[in-house]
PDB file of all heavy atoms in Angstrom:
ATOM      1  N   GLN A   1      23.065   8.824  40.400  1.00  0.00           N
ATOM      2  CA  GLN A   1      22.707   9.454  39.197  1.00  0.00           C
ATOM      3  C   GLN A   1      23.548   8.991  38.132  1.00  0.00           C
ATOM      4  O   GLN A   1      24.728   8.846  38.248  1.00  0.00           O
ATOM      5  CB  GLN A   1      22.814  11.006  39.342  1.00  0.00           C
ATOM      6  CG  GLN A   1      22.284  11.780  38.113  1.00  0.00           C
ATOM      7  CD  GLN A   1      22.176  13.330  38.424  1.00  0.00           C
ATOM      8  OE1 GLN A   1      22.586  13.741  39.437  1.00  0.00           O
ATOM      9  NE2 GLN A   1      21.851  14.043  37.353  1.00  0.00           N
ATOM     10  N   LEU A   2      22.943   8.757  36.965  1.00  0.00           N
ATOM     11  CA  LEU A   2      23.583   8.219  35.802  1.00  0.00           C
ATOM     12  C   LEU A   2      23.873   9.398  34.909  1.00  0.00           C
ATOM     13  O   LEU A   2      23.390  10.415  34.994  1.00  0.00           O
ATOM     14  CB  LEU A   2      22.807   7.170  35.055  1.00  0.00           C
ATOM     15  CG  LEU A   2      22.454   5.866  35.968  1.00  0.00           C
ATOM     16  CD1 LEU A   2      21.513   5.009  35.179  1.00  0.00           C
ATOM     17  CD2 LEU A   2      23.632   5.193  36.505  1.00  0.00           C
ATOM     18  N   PRO A   3      24.860   9.200  33.901  1.00  0.00           N
ATOM     19  CA  PRO A   3      25.253  10.238  32.962  1.00  0.00           C
ATOM     20  C   PRO A   3      24.127  10.845  32.268  1.00  0.00           C
ATOM     21  O   PRO A   3      24.119  12.055  31.930  1.00  0.00           O
ATOM     22  CB  PRO A   3      26.241   9.583  32.033  1.00  0.00           C
ATOM     23  CG  PRO A   3      26.835   8.491  32.817  1.00  0.00           C
ATOM     24  CD  PRO A   3      25.721   7.946  33.604  1.00  0.00           C
ATOM     25  N   ASP A   4      23.050  10.120  31.991  1.00  0.00           N
ATOM     26  CA  ASP A   4      21.834  10.601  31.190  1.00  0.00           C
ATOM     27  C   ASP A   4      21.001  11.475  32.017  1.00  0.00           C
ATOM     28  O   ASP A   4      19.904  11.915  31.553  1.00  0.00           O
ATOM     29  CB  ASP A   4      21.171   9.564  30.444  1.00  0.00           C
ATOM     30  CG  ASP A   4      20.438   8.601  31.479  1.00  0.00           C
ATOM     31  OD1 ASP A   4      20.589   8.726  32.633  1.00  0.00           O
ATOM     32  OD2 ASP A   4      19.921   7.545  30.862  1.00  0.00           O
ATOM     33  N   GLY A   5      21.297  11.566  33.349  1.00  0.00           N
ATOM     34  CA  GLY A   5      20.520  12.327  34.289  1.00  0.00           C
ATOM     35  C   GLY A   5      19.557  11.593  35.002  1.00  0.00           C
ATOM     36  O   GLY A   5      18.782  12.113  36.081  1.00  0.00           O
ATOM     37  N   SER A   6      19.281  10.384  34.647  1.00  0.00           N
ATOM     38  CA  SER A   6      18.316   9.415  35.372  1.00  0.00           C
ATOM     39  C   SER A   6      18.915   8.979  36.671  1.00  0.00           C
ATOM     40  O   SER A   6      20.140   8.949  36.846  1.00  0.00           O
ATOM     41  CB  SER A   6      17.877   8.142  34.577  1.00  0.00           C
ATOM     42  OG  SER A   6      18.989   7.378  34.249  1.00  0.00           O
ATOM     43  N   ALA A   7      18.134   8.591  37.678  1.00  0.00           N
ATOM     44  CA  ALA A   7      18.528   8.065  38.988  1.00  0.00           C
ATOM     45  C   ALA A   7      18.293   6.583  39.103  1.00  0.00           C
ATOM     46  O   ALA A   7      17.385   6.052  38.412  1.00  0.00           O
ATOM     47  CB  ALA A   7      17.666   8.746  39.968  1.00  0.00           C
ATOM     48  N   ARG A   8      19.028   5.871  39.973  1.00  0.00           N
ATOM     49  CA  ARG A   8      18.873   4.475  40.092  1.00  0.00           C
ATOM     50  C   ARG A   8      18.910   4.115  41.558  1.00  0.00           C
ATOM     51  O   ARG A   8      19.812   4.613  42.275  1.00  0.00           O
ATOM     52  CB  ARG A   8      19.822   3.701  39.194  1.00  0.00           C
ATOM     53  CG  ARG A   8      19.408   2.236  38.998  1.00  0.00           C
ATOM     54  CD  ARG A   8      20.048   1.600  37.849  1.00  0.00           C
ATOM     55  NE  ARG A   8      19.312   0.481  37.387  1.00  0.00           N
ATOM     56  CZ  ARG A   8      18.524   0.396  36.531  1.00  0.00           C
ATOM     57  NH1 ARG A   8      17.989   1.527  35.834  1.00  0.00           N
ATOM     58  NH2 ARG A   8      17.858  -0.770  36.140  1.00  0.00           N
ATOM     59  N   GLU A   9      17.977   3.338  42.038  1.00  0.00           N
ATOM     60  CA  GLU A   9      17.869   2.955  43.489  1.00  0.00           C
ATOM     61  C   GLU A   9      18.739   1.669  43.695  1.00  0.00           C
ATOM     62  O   GLU A   9      18.550   0.751  42.893  1.00  0.00           O
ATOM     63  CB  GLU A   9      16.543   2.723  43.939  1.00  0.00           C
ATOM     64  CG  GLU A   9      15.540   3.946  43.850  1.00  0.00           C
ATOM     65  CD  GLU A   9      15.980   5.040  44.856  1.00  0.00           C
ATOM     66  OE1 GLU A   9      16.323   4.677  45.907  1.00  0.00           O
ATOM     67  OE2 GLU A   9      15.975   6.197  44.351  1.00  0.00           O
ATOM     68  N   LEU A  10      19.595   1.655  44.676  1.00  0.00           N
ATOM     69  CA  LEU A  10      20.388   0.510  44.966  1.00  0.00           C
ATOM     70  C   LEU A  10      20.456   0.186  46.482  1.00  0.00           C
ATOM     71  O   LEU A  10      20.182   1.114  47.246  1.00  0.00           O
ATOM     72  CB  LEU A  10      21.876   0.695  44.481  1.00  0.00           C
ATOM     73  CG  LEU A  10      22.091   0.657  43.007  1.00  0.00           C
ATOM     74  CD1 LEU A  10      23.415   1.254  42.721  1.00  0.00           C
ATOM     75  CD2 LEU A  10      21.807  -0.504  42.305  1.00  0.00           C
ATOM     76  N   PRO A  11      20.739  -1.100  46.849  1.00  0.00           N
ATOM     77  CA  PRO A  11      20.823  -1.263  48.327  1.00  0.00           C
ATOM     78  C   PRO A  11      21.999  -0.532  48.941  1.00  0.00           C
ATOM     79  O   PRO A  11      23.086  -0.403  48.208  1.00  0.00           O
ATOM     80  CB  PRO A  11      20.959  -2.833  48.430  1.00  0.00           C
ATOM     81  CG  PRO A  11      20.603  -3.372  47.148  1.00  0.00           C
ATOM     82  CD  PRO A  11      20.847  -2.240  46.111  1.00  0.00           C
ATOM     83  N   VAL A  12      22.011  -0.247  50.202  1.00  0.00           N
ATOM     84  CA  VAL A  12      23.190   0.364  50.922  1.00  0.00           C
ATOM     85  C   VAL A  12      24.256  -0.755  50.744  1.00  0.00           C
ATOM     86  O   VAL A  12      24.068  -1.786  51.031  1.00  0.00           O
ATOM     87  CB  VAL A  12      22.727   0.698  52.398  1.00  0.00           C
ATOM     88  CG1 VAL A  12      24.047   1.030  53.093  1.00  0.00           C
ATOM     89  CG2 VAL A  12      21.753   1.811  52.472  1.00  0.00           C
ATOM     90  N   GLY A  13      25.507  -0.068  50.560  1.00  0.00           N
ATOM     91  CA  GLY A  13      26.676  -1.025  50.377  1.00  0.00           C
ATOM     92  C   GLY A  13      26.855  -1.537  48.983  1.00  0.00           C
ATOM     93  O   GLY A  13      27.812  -2.217  48.715  1.00  0.00           O
ATOM     94  N   ALA A  14      25.963  -1.198  48.092  1.00  0.00           N
ATOM     95  CA  ALA A  14      26.147  -1.654  46.665  1.00  0.00           C
ATOM     96  C   ALA A  14      27.385  -1.037  46.059  1.00  0.00           C
ATOM     97  O   ALA A  14      27.805   0.241  46.451  1.00  0.00           O
ATOM     98  CB  ALA A  14      24.926  -1.334  45.798  1.00  0.00           C
ATOM     99  N   ALA A  15      28.031  -1.726  45.194  1.00  0.00           N
ATOM    100  CA  ALA A  15      29.316  -1.125  44.522  1.00  0.00           C
ATOM    101  C   ALA A  15      28.956  -0.876  43.036  1.00  0.00           C
ATOM    102  O   ALA A  15      27.800  -1.135  42.566  1.00  0.00           O
ATOM    103  CB  ALA A  15      30.299  -2.248  44.613  1.00  0.00           C
ATOM    104  N   ALA A  16      29.987  -0.323  42.356  1.00  0.00           N
ATOM    105  CA  ALA A  16      29.736   0.074  40.961  1.00  0.00           C
ATOM    106  C   ALA A  16      29.363  -1.168  40.145  1.00  0.00           C
ATOM    107  O   ALA A  16      28.578  -1.051  39.206  1.00  0.00           O
ATOM    108  CB  ALA A  16      30.965   0.770  40.490  1.00  0.00           C
ATOM    109  N   GLN A  17      29.975  -2.317  40.403  1.00  0.00           N
ATOM    110  CA  GLN A  17      29.746  -3.460  39.677  1.00  0.00           C
ATOM    111  C   GLN A  17      28.248  -3.938  39.802  1.00  0.00           C
ATOM    112  O   GLN A  17      27.508  -4.410  38.950  1.00  0.00           O
ATOM    113  CB  GLN A  17      30.616  -4.583  39.998  1.00  0.00           C
ATOM    114  CG  GLN A  17      30.509  -4.939  41.554  1.00  0.00           C
ATOM    115  CD  GLN A  17      31.792  -5.786  41.959  1.00  0.00           C
ATOM    116  OE1 GLN A  17      32.736  -5.799  41.183  1.00  0.00           O
ATOM    117  NE2 GLN A  17      31.658  -6.342  43.109  1.00  0.00           N
ATOM    118  N   ASP A  18      27.585  -3.559  41.038  1.00  0.00           N
ATOM    119  CA  ASP A  18      26.217  -3.890  41.258  1.00  0.00           C
ATOM    120  C   ASP A  18      25.284  -2.983  40.393  1.00  0.00           C
ATOM    121  O   ASP A  18      24.208  -3.482  39.934  1.00  0.00           O
ATOM    122  CB  ASP A  18      25.861  -3.732  42.714  1.00  0.00           C
ATOM    123  CG  ASP A  18      26.623  -4.717  43.618  1.00  0.00           C
ATOM    124  OD1 ASP A  18      26.689  -5.851  43.253  1.00  0.00           O
ATOM    125  OD2 ASP A  18      27.160  -4.268  44.594  1.00  0.00           O
ATOM    126  N   LEU A  19      25.669  -1.645  40.266  1.00  0.00           N
ATOM    127  CA  LEU A  19      25.067  -0.714  39.446  1.00  0.00           C
ATOM    128  C   LEU A  19      24.957  -1.304  37.974  1.00  0.00           C
ATOM    129  O   LEU A  19      23.982  -1.349  37.436  1.00  0.00           O
ATOM    130  CB  LEU A  19      25.618   0.613  39.567  1.00  0.00           C
ATOM    131  CG  LEU A  19      25.143   1.708  38.530  1.00  0.00           C
ATOM    132  CD1 LEU A  19      23.570   1.994  38.811  1.00  0.00           C
ATOM    133  CD2 LEU A  19      25.905   3.016  38.588  1.00  0.00           C
ATOM    134  N   ALA A  20      26.163  -1.739  37.498  1.00  0.00           N
ATOM    135  CA  ALA A  20      26.168  -2.199  36.170  1.00  0.00           C
ATOM    136  C   ALA A  20      25.186  -3.381  35.915  1.00  0.00           C
ATOM    137  O   ALA A  20      24.547  -3.503  34.946  1.00  0.00           O
ATOM    138  CB  ALA A  20      27.643  -2.561  35.797  1.00  0.00           C
ATOM    139  N   ALA A  21      25.265  -4.342  36.936  1.00  0.00           N
ATOM    140  CA  ALA A  21      24.350  -5.452  36.815  1.00  0.00           C
ATOM    141  C   ALA A  21      22.863  -5.144  36.889  1.00  0.00           C
ATOM    142  O   ALA A  21      22.170  -5.753  36.197  1.00  0.00           O
ATOM    143  CB  ALA A  21      24.764  -6.460  37.965  1.00  0.00           C
ATOM    144  N   SER A  22      22.583  -4.175  37.673  1.00  0.00           N
ATOM    145  CA  SER A  22      21.181  -3.648  37.731  1.00  0.00           C
ATOM    146  C   SER A  22      20.688  -3.043  36.488  1.00  0.00           C
ATOM    147  O   SER A  22      19.437  -3.115  36.163  1.00  0.00           O
ATOM    148  CB  SER A  22      21.035  -2.612  38.942  1.00  0.00           C
ATOM    149  OG  SER A  22      21.590  -1.392  38.539  1.00  0.00           O
ATOM    150  N   ILE A  23      21.534  -2.530  35.642  1.00  0.00           N
ATOM    151  CA  ILE A  23      21.219  -1.888  34.318  1.00  0.00           C
ATOM    152  C   ILE A  23      21.026  -3.019  33.335  1.00  0.00           C
ATOM    153  O   ILE A  23      20.120  -2.804  32.569  1.00  0.00           O
ATOM    154  CB  ILE A  23      22.230  -0.949  34.001  1.00  0.00           C
ATOM    155  CG1 ILE A  23      22.357   0.364  34.938  1.00  0.00           C
ATOM    156  CG2 ILE A  23      21.997  -0.360  32.559  1.00  0.00           C
ATOM    157  CD1 ILE A  23      23.452   1.388  34.756  1.00  0.00           C
ATOM    158  N   GLY A  24      21.878  -3.981  33.384  1.00  0.00           N
ATOM    159  CA  GLY A  24      21.710  -4.960  32.400  1.00  0.00           C
ATOM    160  C   GLY A  24      22.934  -5.945  32.359  1.00  0.00           C
ATOM    161  O   GLY A  24      24.050  -5.659  32.661  1.00  0.00           O
ATOM    162  N   ALA A  25      22.609  -7.236  31.874  1.00  0.00           N
ATOM    163  CA  ALA A  25      23.707  -8.156  31.935  1.00  0.00           C
ATOM    164  C   ALA A  25      24.775  -7.932  30.997  1.00  0.00           C
ATOM    165  O   ALA A  25      26.035  -8.198  31.202  1.00  0.00           O
ATOM    166  CB  ALA A  25      23.068  -9.533  31.682  1.00  0.00           C
ATOM    167  N   GLY A  26      24.367  -7.220  29.836  1.00  0.00           N
ATOM    168  CA  GLY A  26      25.374  -6.894  28.832  1.00  0.00           C
ATOM    169  C   GLY A  26      26.399  -5.839  29.348  1.00  0.00           C
ATOM    170  O   GLY A  26      27.544  -5.973  29.156  1.00  0.00           O
ATOM    171  N   LEU A  27      25.830  -4.803  30.145  1.00  0.00           N
ATOM    172  CA  LEU A  27      26.832  -3.914  30.640  1.00  0.00           C
ATOM    173  C   LEU A  27      27.583  -4.441  31.744  1.00  0.00           C
ATOM    174  O   LEU A  27      28.833  -4.123  31.952  1.00  0.00           O
ATOM    175  CB  LEU A  27      25.945  -2.688  31.192  1.00  0.00           C
ATOM    176  CG  LEU A  27      26.672  -1.478  31.740  1.00  0.00           C
ATOM    177  CD1 LEU A  27      27.708  -0.946  30.784  1.00  0.00           C
ATOM    178  CD2 LEU A  27      25.837  -0.464  32.397  1.00  0.00           C
ATOM    179  N   ALA A  28      27.048  -5.335  32.524  1.00  0.00           N
ATOM    180  CA  ALA A  28      27.775  -5.974  33.567  1.00  0.00           C
ATOM    181  C   ALA A  28      28.972  -6.756  33.082  1.00  0.00           C
ATOM    182  O   ALA A  28      30.132  -6.729  33.616  1.00  0.00           O
ATOM    183  CB  ALA A  28      26.974  -6.853  34.519  1.00  0.00           C
ATOM    184  N   LYS A  29      28.820  -7.356  31.916  1.00  0.00           N
ATOM    185  CA  LYS A  29      29.802  -8.153  31.257  1.00  0.00           C
ATOM    186  C   LYS A  29      30.957  -7.186  30.658  1.00  0.00           C
ATOM    187  O   LYS A  29      32.072  -7.609  30.715  1.00  0.00           O
ATOM    188  CB  LYS A  29      29.229  -9.047  30.190  1.00  0.00           C
ATOM    189  CG  LYS A  29      30.236  -9.995  29.500  1.00  0.00           C
ATOM    190  CD  LYS A  29      29.524 -10.900  28.509  1.00  0.00           C
ATOM    191  CE  LYS A  29      30.700 -11.792  27.846  1.00  0.00           C
ATOM    192  NZ  LYS A  29      30.046 -12.706  26.841  1.00  0.00           N
ATOM    193  N   ALA A  30      30.399  -6.125  30.003  1.00  0.00           N
ATOM    194  CA  ALA A  30      31.338  -5.072  29.341  1.00  0.00           C
ATOM    195  C   ALA A  30      32.127  -4.230  30.329  1.00  0.00           C
ATOM    196  O   ALA A  30      33.077  -3.680  29.967  1.00  0.00           O
ATOM    197  CB  ALA A  30      30.662  -4.421  28.419  1.00  0.00           C
TER     198      ALA A  30
END
């Protein structure tokens, strides 16, 4: 679950950096 209340599906074993990348390249870089 993200801070805005939305949910995001990720593969088992995914890390926080994978979540950032799945949201967008800009967030992954920042």
